[in-house]
Amino acid sequence: SVKINQICDSIQSQFQQGMTAEEKQQLVQVVLKKALPPSLLEAMSLEQILKQVPENYIAALVGAWAASRFVYQNGINASEVNFFFF
């Protein structure tokens, strides 16, 4: 959906330019633990995955996962305030 793409693009933009390294690390840790299949996390540690996957791929995964979950839970008319509470 267009709304998912807009939110995903916004998250990726913030990830690339608007977040500190600590904020990025915290966001990535939380999202990847929820987004990646448990079998993958059993086979490889999160640290190993982060070393082997390019940062732009990680940003895309984080953005897509968060955006899709937000839109499917809150609908396409949800506001930025709703995202804050997400």
Protein backbone atom coordinates (compact mmCIF):
# COMPACT_ATOMS: atom_id res chain seq x y z
CA SER A 1 0.00 0.00 0.00
CA VAL A 2 1.03 3.60 -0.50
CA LYS A 3 0.80 4.31 3.24
CA ILE A 4 3.17 1.44 4.07
CA ASN A 5 5.66 2.72 1.49
CA GLN A 6 5.47 6.27 2.85
CA ILE A 7 6.09 5.14 6.42
CA CYS A 8 8.83 2.75 5.33
CA ASP A 9 10.58 5.53 3.39
CA SER A 10 10.31 7.85 6.39
CA ILE A 11 11.78 5.25 8.74
CA GLN A 12 14.64 4.50 6.36
CA SER A 13 15.37 8.22 5.96
CA GLN A 14 15.50 8.67 9.72
CA PHE A 15 17.63 5.56 10.01
CA GLN A 16 20.17 6.94 7.53
CA GLN A 17 20.25 10.59 8.62
CA GLY A 18 18.29 11.34 11.75
CA MET A 19 19.33 8.79 14.35
CA THR A 20 22.36 8.39 16.55
CA ALA A 21 24.31 5.15 16.41
CA GLU A 22 22.83 4.17 19.77
CA GLU A 23 19.26 4.82 18.58
CA LYS A 24 19.88 2.78 15.42
CA GLN A 25 21.32 -0.10 17.40
CA GLN A 26 18.37 -0.11 19.79
CA LEU A 27 15.80 0.00 16.97
CA VAL A 28 17.55 -2.72 14.99
CA GLN A 29 17.86 -5.01 18.01
CA VAL A 30 14.16 -4.71 18.88
CA VAL A 31 12.86 -5.08 15.33
CA LEU A 32 15.13 -7.90 14.19
CA LYS A 33 14.35 -10.00 17.25
CA LYS A 34 10.67 -9.75 16.28
CA ALA A 35 11.02 -9.82 12.49
CA LEU A 36 13.51 -12.62 11.88
CA PRO A 37 12.45 -16.27 12.04
CA PRO A 38 13.42 -17.97 15.30
CA SER A 39 15.23 -20.71 13.37
CA LEU A 40 17.55 -18.10 11.81
CA LEU A 41 18.28 -16.57 15.20
CA GLU A 42 19.06 -20.05 16.52
CA ALA A 43 21.46 -20.75 13.65
CA MET A 44 23.19 -17.35 13.80
CA SER A 45 23.47 -14.73 16.49
CA LEU A 46 22.05 -11.30 15.85
CA GLU A 47 25.59 -9.93 15.93
CA GLN A 48 26.67 -12.37 13.19
CA ILE A 49 23.71 -11.35 11.04
CA LEU A 50 24.51 -7.66 11.49
CA LYS A 51 28.13 -8.24 10.48
CA GLN A 52 27.16 -10.08 7.30
CA VAL A 53 24.16 -8.08 6.06
CA PRO A 54 24.72 -4.60 4.57
CA GLU A 55 23.35 -1.70 6.62
CA ASN A 56 21.01 -0.55 3.86
CA TYR A 57 19.40 -4.02 3.82
CA ILE A 58 18.95 -3.85 7.59
CA ALA A 59 17.39 -0.38 7.25
CA ALA A 60 15.01 -1.67 4.57
CA LEU A 61 13.98 -4.65 6.70
CA VAL A 62 13.44 -2.48 9.79
CA GLY A 63 11.42 0.07 7.83
CA ALA A 64 9.29 -2.48 6.01
CA TRP A 65 8.57 -4.52 9.11
CA ALA A 66 7.66 -1.55 11.31
CA ALA A 67 5.60 0.18 8.61
CA SER A 68 3.59 -2.89 7.68
CA ARG A 69 2.86 -3.81 11.31
CA PHE A 70 1.80 -0.25 12.09
CA VAL A 71 -0.54 0.10 9.11
CA TYR A 72 -2.13 -3.32 9.58
CA GLN A 73 -2.72 -2.65 13.28
CA ASN A 74 -3.83 0.99 13.04
CA GLY A 75 -5.18 1.42 9.52
CA ILE A 76 -4.17 3.71 6.68
CA ASN A 77 -5.64 6.83 8.32
CA ALA A 78 -3.57 6.56 11.50
CA SER A 79 -1.58 9.64 12.47
CA GLU A 80 1.98 10.19 13.65
CA VAL A 81 0.60 10.31 17.17
CA ASN A 82 -0.64 6.74 16.72
CA PHE A 83 2.86 5.78 15.55
CA PHE A 84 4.32 7.22 18.76
CA PHE A 85 2.17 4.82 20.79
CA PHE A 86 2.90 1.91 18.42
